Amino acid sequence: MSKRPKISVRLHNGQLLPCSAYDAEQLLELPNNSVFDMTLIKARSDNQRKLYWMLLGRVCKATGKWPNSEVLHREMVIACGYYRTVISQFGGVYRFPDSTKMDKMAQKDFNEYFEKALEKLAEAIGIDPMELLK
């Protein structure tokens, strides 16, 4: 199951518009005449989480170092120290990334993770990843 946030749109004067740059980018990647099953939500969308996923996508496209944002996300979570270690009885040591989902990680913790992730991305690609949004 994908960890990417859902695409969010808002109704404005009878038209559905993307709620963030991430949403707009995701919509542009879909074929014309795509059909959606929508659910009305009353809570605010998580713009920071969407920014994070947009950055991961841009880093993957710009560098080619990771095949997609899901792979980069798993590496980032582990690189930032958010994982659990399992020692196999067959001799292997495995790291499993913690979840960054809203119901698993408090906003305060995600803020800390986000800052660490930006630092790790900058180290890995040699520039501030926010530059890729320009």
N, C-alpha and C. Protein backbone atom coordinates (compact mmCIF):
# COMPACT_ATOMS: atom_id res chain seq x y z
N MET A 1 0.84 -1.18 0.00
CA MET A 1 0.00 0.00 0.00
C MET A 1 0.88 1.24 0.00
N SER A 2 0.55 2.18 -0.85
CA SER A 2 1.36 3.38 -0.99
C SER A 2 1.22 4.29 0.22
N LYS A 3 2.33 4.94 0.59
CA LYS A 3 2.32 5.88 1.71
C LYS A 3 2.06 7.30 1.23
N ARG A 4 1.99 7.49 -0.07
CA ARG A 4 1.76 8.83 -0.61
C ARG A 4 0.42 9.37 -0.14
N PRO A 5 0.36 10.67 0.10
CA PRO A 5 -0.93 11.25 0.47
C PRO A 5 -1.89 11.23 -0.72
N LYS A 6 -3.16 11.22 -0.42
CA LYS A 6 -4.17 11.26 -1.47
C LYS A 6 -4.14 12.61 -2.16
N ILE A 7 -4.66 12.65 -3.37
CA ILE A 7 -4.80 13.91 -4.10
C ILE A 7 -6.01 14.64 -3.53
N SER A 8 -5.82 15.91 -3.19
CA SER A 8 -6.91 16.70 -2.63
C SER A 8 -7.29 17.81 -3.60
N VAL A 9 -8.58 18.01 -3.74
CA VAL A 9 -9.10 19.10 -4.55
C VAL A 9 -10.12 19.86 -3.72
N ARG A 10 -10.36 21.09 -4.13
CA ARG A 10 -11.39 21.88 -3.44
C ARG A 10 -12.35 22.41 -4.49
N LEU A 11 -13.58 22.59 -4.09
CA LEU A 11 -14.61 23.10 -4.99
C LEU A 11 -14.61 24.62 -4.92
N HIS A 12 -14.44 25.26 -6.07
CA HIS A 12 -14.44 26.73 -6.13
C HIS A 12 -15.25 27.14 -7.36
N ASN A 13 -16.37 27.80 -7.12
CA ASN A 13 -17.24 28.26 -8.20
C ASN A 13 -17.57 27.15 -9.19
N GLY A 14 -17.88 25.98 -8.67
CA GLY A 14 -18.30 24.87 -9.52
C GLY A 14 -17.17 24.08 -10.18
N GLN A 15 -15.92 24.46 -9.90
CA GLN A 15 -14.79 23.74 -10.49
C GLN A 15 -13.96 23.10 -9.39
N LEU A 16 -13.39 21.93 -9.70
CA LEU A 16 -12.49 21.27 -8.76
C LEU A 16 -11.08 21.72 -9.06
N LEU A 17 -10.40 22.27 -8.05
CA LEU A 17 -9.05 22.79 -8.20
C LEU A 17 -8.12 22.06 -7.22
N PRO A 18 -6.85 21.82 -7.62
CA PRO A 18 -5.92 21.18 -6.69
C PRO A 18 -5.68 22.07 -5.47
N CYS A 19 -5.51 21.43 -4.31
CA CYS A 19 -5.30 22.17 -3.06
C CYS A 19 -3.85 22.59 -2.86
N SER A 20 -2.92 21.95 -3.52
CA SER A 20 -1.51 22.28 -3.34
C SER A 20 -0.76 21.99 -4.64
N ALA A 21 0.50 22.41 -4.67
CA ALA A 21 1.34 22.13 -5.83
C ALA A 21 1.52 20.63 -6.01
N TYR A 22 1.62 19.90 -4.91
CA TYR A 22 1.73 18.44 -4.98
C TYR A 22 0.50 17.86 -5.70
N ASP A 23 -0.69 18.31 -5.29
CA ASP A 23 -1.92 17.81 -5.90
C ASP A 23 -1.95 18.13 -7.40
N ALA A 24 -1.54 19.33 -7.76
CA ALA A 24 -1.52 19.72 -9.18
C ALA A 24 -0.57 18.84 -9.97
N GLU A 25 0.60 18.57 -9.43
CA GLU A 25 1.58 17.70 -10.09
C GLU A 25 1.03 16.29 -10.28
N GLN A 26 0.40 15.76 -9.24
CA GLN A 26 -0.14 14.41 -9.32
C GLN A 26 -1.26 14.33 -10.36
N LEU A 27 -2.09 15.35 -10.43
CA LEU A 27 -3.18 15.36 -11.41
C LEU A 27 -2.64 15.43 -12.84
N LEU A 28 -1.56 16.18 -13.05
CA LEU A 28 -0.98 16.29 -14.39
C LEU A 28 -0.42 14.96 -14.89
N GLU A 29 -0.06 14.08 -13.98
CA GLU A 29 0.50 12.79 -14.37
C GLU A 29 -0.58 11.77 -14.75
N LEU A 30 -1.84 12.07 -14.50
CA LEU A 30 -2.93 11.14 -14.79
C LEU A 30 -3.45 11.36 -16.20
N PRO A 31 -3.96 10.29 -16.83
CA PRO A 31 -4.51 10.44 -18.18
C PRO A 31 -5.82 11.23 -18.17
N ASN A 32 -6.11 11.89 -19.28
CA ASN A 32 -7.38 12.60 -19.42
C ASN A 32 -8.54 11.64 -19.23
N ASN A 33 -9.64 12.16 -18.78
CA ASN A 33 -10.87 11.40 -18.54
C ASN A 33 -10.74 10.40 -17.39
N SER A 34 -9.75 10.58 -16.51
CA SER A 34 -9.65 9.75 -15.31
C SER A 34 -10.88 10.03 -14.44
N VAL A 35 -11.40 8.99 -13.84
CA VAL A 35 -12.59 9.11 -12.99
C VAL A 35 -12.16 8.94 -11.54
N PHE A 36 -12.74 9.74 -10.66
CA PHE A 36 -12.38 9.72 -9.25
C PHE A 36 -13.59 9.39 -8.39
N ASP A 37 -13.36 8.69 -7.31
CA ASP A 37 -14.36 8.45 -6.29
C ASP A 37 -13.98 9.38 -5.14
N MET A 38 -14.75 10.44 -4.94
CA MET A 38 -14.36 11.47 -3.98
C MET A 38 -15.10 11.33 -2.66
N THR A 39 -14.43 11.78 -1.61
CA THR A 39 -15.03 11.83 -0.29
C THR A 39 -14.84 13.24 0.25
N LEU A 40 -15.92 13.84 0.71
CA LEU A 40 -15.84 15.18 1.29
C LEU A 40 -15.18 15.09 2.65
N ILE A 41 -14.16 15.93 2.87
CA ILE A 41 -13.51 15.98 4.18
C ILE A 41 -13.67 17.38 4.74
N LYS A 42 -13.71 17.47 6.03
CA LYS A 42 -13.87 18.77 6.67
C LYS A 42 -12.59 19.25 7.32
N ALA A 43 -11.61 18.35 7.44
CA ALA A 43 -10.33 18.74 8.04
C ALA A 43 -9.43 19.38 6.98
N ARG A 44 -8.48 20.13 7.43
CA ARG A 44 -7.51 20.73 6.53
C ARG A 44 -6.57 19.68 5.96
N SER A 45 -6.10 19.89 4.75
CA SER A 45 -5.16 18.94 4.17
C SER A 45 -3.78 19.13 4.81
N ASP A 46 -2.97 18.13 4.71
CA ASP A 46 -1.65 18.17 5.31
C ASP A 46 -0.64 18.67 4.27
N ASN A 47 -0.49 19.97 4.17
CA ASN A 47 0.38 20.55 3.15
C ASN A 47 1.85 20.20 3.35
N GLN A 48 2.31 20.08 4.58
CA GLN A 48 3.72 19.75 4.82
C GLN A 48 4.02 18.34 4.31
N ARG A 49 3.11 17.42 4.56
CA ARG A 49 3.30 16.05 4.08
C ARG A 49 3.32 16.01 2.56
N LYS A 50 2.47 16.79 1.94
CA LYS A 50 2.43 16.84 0.48
C LYS A 50 3.70 17.48 -0.08
N LEU A 51 4.19 18.51 0.60
CA LEU A 51 5.45 19.13 0.20
C LEU A 51 6.58 18.10 0.26
N TYR A 52 6.60 17.31 1.32
CA TYR A 52 7.61 16.27 1.49
C TYR A 52 7.60 15.31 0.29
N TRP A 53 6.41 14.82 -0.06
CA TRP A 53 6.33 13.86 -1.17
C TRP A 53 6.66 14.51 -2.51
N MET A 54 6.31 15.78 -2.67
CA MET A 54 6.67 16.48 -3.89
C MET A 54 8.19 16.61 -3.98
N LEU A 55 8.84 16.94 -2.87
CA LEU A 55 10.30 17.03 -2.85
C LEU A 55 10.94 15.70 -3.20
N LEU A 56 10.43 14.61 -2.63
CA LEU A 56 11.00 13.29 -2.94
C LEU A 56 10.89 12.99 -4.43
N GLY A 57 9.74 13.30 -5.00
CA GLY A 57 9.55 13.07 -6.43
C GLY A 57 10.51 13.90 -7.27
N ARG A 58 10.70 15.15 -6.90
CA ARG A 58 11.61 16.03 -7.64
C ARG A 58 13.06 15.55 -7.52
N VAL A 59 13.45 15.10 -6.32
CA VAL A 59 14.81 14.60 -6.11
C VAL A 59 15.04 13.36 -6.99
N CYS A 60 14.06 12.46 -7.02
CA CYS A 60 14.19 11.25 -7.85
C CYS A 60 14.35 11.62 -9.32
N LYS A 61 13.51 12.53 -9.80
CA LYS A 61 13.58 12.93 -11.21
C LYS A 61 14.87 13.66 -11.53
N ALA A 62 15.31 14.52 -10.63
CA ALA A 62 16.50 15.33 -10.88
C ALA A 62 17.80 14.53 -10.83
N THR A 63 17.84 13.52 -9.98
CA THR A 63 19.11 12.82 -9.77
C THR A 63 19.17 11.43 -10.39
N GLY A 64 18.04 10.76 -10.49
CA GLY A 64 18.04 9.38 -10.98
C GLY A 64 18.66 8.39 -10.00
N LYS A 65 18.96 8.85 -8.78
CA LYS A 65 19.59 7.98 -7.79
C LYS A 65 18.62 6.98 -7.16
N TRP A 66 17.34 7.27 -7.20
CA TRP A 66 16.32 6.39 -6.64
C TRP A 66 15.26 6.17 -7.70
N PRO A 67 14.71 4.95 -7.80
CA PRO A 67 13.74 4.68 -8.86
C PRO A 67 12.41 5.40 -8.68
N ASN A 68 12.03 5.69 -7.43
CA ASN A 68 10.78 6.40 -7.19
C ASN A 68 10.77 6.95 -5.77
N SER A 69 9.77 7.76 -5.49
CA SER A 69 9.71 8.43 -4.18
C SER A 69 9.44 7.48 -3.03
N GLU A 70 8.76 6.35 -3.27
CA GLU A 70 8.52 5.39 -2.20
C GLU A 70 9.83 4.78 -1.72
N VAL A 71 10.71 4.43 -2.66
CA VAL A 71 12.02 3.86 -2.30
C VAL A 71 12.84 4.90 -1.54
N LEU A 72 12.87 6.13 -2.04
CA LEU A 72 13.60 7.20 -1.37
C LEU A 72 13.03 7.44 0.03
N HIS A 73 11.71 7.42 0.15
CA HIS A 73 11.08 7.63 1.46
C HIS A 73 11.55 6.58 2.47
N ARG A 74 11.53 5.31 2.08
CA ARG A 74 11.97 4.26 3.01
C ARG A 74 13.42 4.48 3.43
N GLU A 75 14.27 4.85 2.47
CA GLU A 75 15.68 5.12 2.80
C GLU A 75 15.81 6.32 3.72
N MET A 76 15.01 7.36 3.48
CA MET A 76 15.07 8.57 4.30
C MET A 76 14.67 8.27 5.74
N VAL A 77 13.60 7.51 5.92
CA VAL A 77 13.12 7.19 7.27
C VAL A 77 14.22 6.47 8.04
N ILE A 78 14.85 5.50 7.41
CA ILE A 78 15.92 4.76 8.07
C ILE A 78 17.14 5.66 8.30
N ALA A 79 17.52 6.45 7.29
CA ALA A 79 18.68 7.33 7.42
C ALA A 79 18.50 8.35 8.54
N CYS A 80 17.26 8.74 8.81
CA CYS A 80 16.98 9.71 9.86
C CYS A 80 16.81 9.06 11.23
N GLY A 81 16.95 7.73 11.29
CA GLY A 81 16.90 7.04 12.57
C GLY A 81 15.53 6.58 13.02
N TYR A 82 14.56 6.59 12.13
CA TYR A 82 13.20 6.18 12.47
C TYR A 82 12.97 4.76 11.95
N TYR A 83 13.46 3.79 12.69
CA TYR A 83 13.33 2.39 12.28
C TYR A 83 13.42 1.48 13.50
N ARG A 84 13.06 0.23 13.28
CA ARG A 84 13.26 -0.78 14.31
C ARG A 84 14.14 -1.86 13.71
N THR A 85 14.99 -2.43 14.52
CA THR A 85 15.93 -3.45 14.07
C THR A 85 15.43 -4.82 14.50
N VAL A 86 15.50 -5.76 13.58
CA VAL A 86 15.14 -7.15 13.87
C VAL A 86 16.34 -8.01 13.53
N ILE A 87 16.70 -8.86 14.49
CA ILE A 87 17.81 -9.79 14.27
C ILE A 87 17.20 -11.16 13.98
N SER A 88 17.47 -11.64 12.79
CA SER A 88 16.92 -12.93 12.36
C SER A 88 17.68 -14.08 13.00
N GLN A 89 16.98 -15.13 13.27
CA GLN A 89 17.63 -16.33 13.80
C GLN A 89 18.47 -17.02 12.73
N PHE A 90 18.32 -16.57 11.49
CA PHE A 90 19.09 -17.12 10.38
C PHE A 90 20.32 -16.28 10.07
N GLY A 91 20.62 -15.32 10.93
CA GLY A 91 21.85 -14.57 10.81
C GLY A 91 21.76 -13.18 10.23
N GLY A 92 20.61 -12.76 9.76
CA GLY A 92 20.49 -11.43 9.17
C GLY A 92 20.03 -10.39 10.18
N VAL A 93 20.42 -9.16 9.92
CA VAL A 93 19.95 -8.02 10.71
C VAL A 93 19.19 -7.12 9.74
N TYR A 94 17.95 -6.81 10.08
CA TYR A 94 17.09 -6.04 9.19
C TYR A 94 16.59 -4.77 9.88
N ARG A 95 16.49 -3.71 9.10
CA ARG A 95 15.92 -2.45 9.60
C ARG A 95 14.59 -2.23 8.90
N PHE A 96 13.56 -2.02 9.68
CA PHE A 96 12.24 -1.76 9.15
C PHE A 96 11.86 -0.31 9.46
N PRO A 97 11.55 0.49 8.43
CA PRO A 97 11.23 1.90 8.67
C PRO A 97 9.94 2.05 9.47
N ASP A 98 9.93 3.05 10.37
CA ASP A 98 8.72 3.40 11.09
C ASP A 98 7.75 4.08 10.13
N SER A 99 6.51 4.13 10.50
CA SER A 99 5.50 4.79 9.69
C SER A 99 5.49 6.30 9.98
N THR A 100 5.32 7.08 8.93
CA THR A 100 5.16 8.53 9.09
C THR A 100 3.70 8.94 8.86
N LYS A 101 2.81 7.96 8.77
CA LYS A 101 1.39 8.27 8.56
C LYS A 101 0.87 9.12 9.71
N MET A 102 -0.15 9.89 9.41
CA MET A 102 -0.71 10.82 10.39
C MET A 102 -1.17 10.13 11.67
N ASP A 103 -1.72 8.93 11.55
CA ASP A 103 -2.20 8.25 12.75
C ASP A 103 -1.09 7.52 13.50
N LYS A 104 0.12 7.52 12.94
CA LYS A 104 1.25 6.82 13.57
C LYS A 104 2.32 7.77 14.10
N MET A 105 2.41 8.98 13.52
CA MET A 105 3.44 9.93 13.92
C MET A 105 2.80 11.28 14.21
N ALA A 106 3.00 11.78 15.40
CA ALA A 106 2.45 13.08 15.78
C ALA A 106 3.06 14.19 14.94
N GLN A 107 2.34 15.30 14.80
CA GLN A 107 2.82 16.41 13.98
C GLN A 107 4.18 16.91 14.45
N LYS A 108 4.39 17.00 15.77
CA LYS A 108 5.67 17.45 16.31
C LYS A 108 6.80 16.52 15.84
N ASP A 109 6.55 15.23 15.90
CA ASP A 109 7.56 14.26 15.46
C ASP A 109 7.80 14.34 13.96
N PHE A 110 6.72 14.55 13.19
CA PHE A 110 6.89 14.68 11.74
C PHE A 110 7.69 15.94 11.41
N ASN A 111 7.46 17.02 12.16
CA ASN A 111 8.23 18.25 11.94
C ASN A 111 9.72 17.98 12.12
N GLU A 112 10.07 17.25 13.19
CA GLU A 112 11.48 16.91 13.44
C GLU A 112 12.01 16.00 12.33
N TYR A 113 11.21 15.02 11.94
CA TYR A 113 11.61 14.12 10.86
C TYR A 113 11.84 14.91 9.56
N PHE A 114 10.91 15.80 9.25
CA PHE A 114 10.99 16.59 8.01
C PHE A 114 12.30 17.39 7.96
N GLU A 115 12.66 18.02 9.06
CA GLU A 115 13.91 18.80 9.10
C GLU A 115 15.13 17.89 8.89
N LYS A 116 15.13 16.73 9.56
CA LYS A 116 16.24 15.78 9.38
C LYS A 116 16.29 15.30 7.94
N ALA A 117 15.13 15.01 7.37
CA ALA A 117 15.07 14.52 5.99
C ALA A 117 15.63 15.56 5.01
N LEU A 118 15.31 16.84 5.23
CA LEU A 118 15.85 17.89 4.36
C LEU A 118 17.37 17.93 4.44
N GLU A 119 17.91 17.79 5.65
CA GLU A 119 19.37 17.78 5.83
C GLU A 119 19.99 16.58 5.12
N LYS A 120 19.41 15.40 5.29
CA LYS A 120 19.94 14.19 4.66
C LYS A 120 19.86 14.28 3.14
N LEU A 121 18.77 14.81 2.63
CA LEU A 121 18.63 14.97 1.17
C LEU A 121 19.69 15.94 0.64
N ALA A 122 19.91 17.04 1.35
CA ALA A 122 20.92 18.01 0.93
C ALA A 122 22.30 17.36 0.88
N GLU A 123 22.61 16.56 1.89
CA GLU A 123 23.90 15.84 1.90
C GLU A 123 24.00 14.89 0.71
N ALA A 124 22.92 14.19 0.40
CA ALA A 124 22.94 13.17 -0.64
C ALA A 124 23.02 13.75 -2.05
N ILE A 125 22.38 14.90 -2.26
CA ILE A 125 22.33 15.44 -3.64
C ILE A 125 23.21 16.68 -3.84
N GLY A 126 23.76 17.21 -2.75
CA GLY A 126 24.69 18.32 -2.87
C GLY A 126 24.07 19.70 -2.98
N ILE A 127 22.75 19.80 -2.90
CA ILE A 127 22.06 21.10 -2.89
C ILE A 127 20.87 21.02 -1.94
N ASP A 128 20.37 22.18 -1.57
CA ASP A 128 19.15 22.23 -0.76
C ASP A 128 18.00 21.70 -1.62
N PRO A 129 17.31 20.65 -1.20
CA PRO A 129 16.25 20.09 -2.04
C PRO A 129 15.12 21.08 -2.32
N MET A 130 14.96 22.09 -1.48
CA MET A 130 13.94 23.11 -1.74
C MET A 130 14.21 23.88 -3.03
N GLU A 131 15.48 23.89 -3.47
CA GLU A 131 15.83 24.54 -4.73
C GLU A 131 15.15 23.88 -5.92
N LEU A 132 14.82 22.61 -5.79
CA LEU A 132 14.17 21.88 -6.87
C LEU A 132 12.71 22.29 -7.08
N LEU A 133 12.19 23.09 -6.16
CA LEU A 133 10.82 23.56 -6.30
C LEU A 133 10.72 24.83 -7.14
N LYS A 134 11.87 25.43 -7.41
CA LYS A 134 11.87 26.69 -8.16
C LYS A 134 11.72 26.45 -9.64
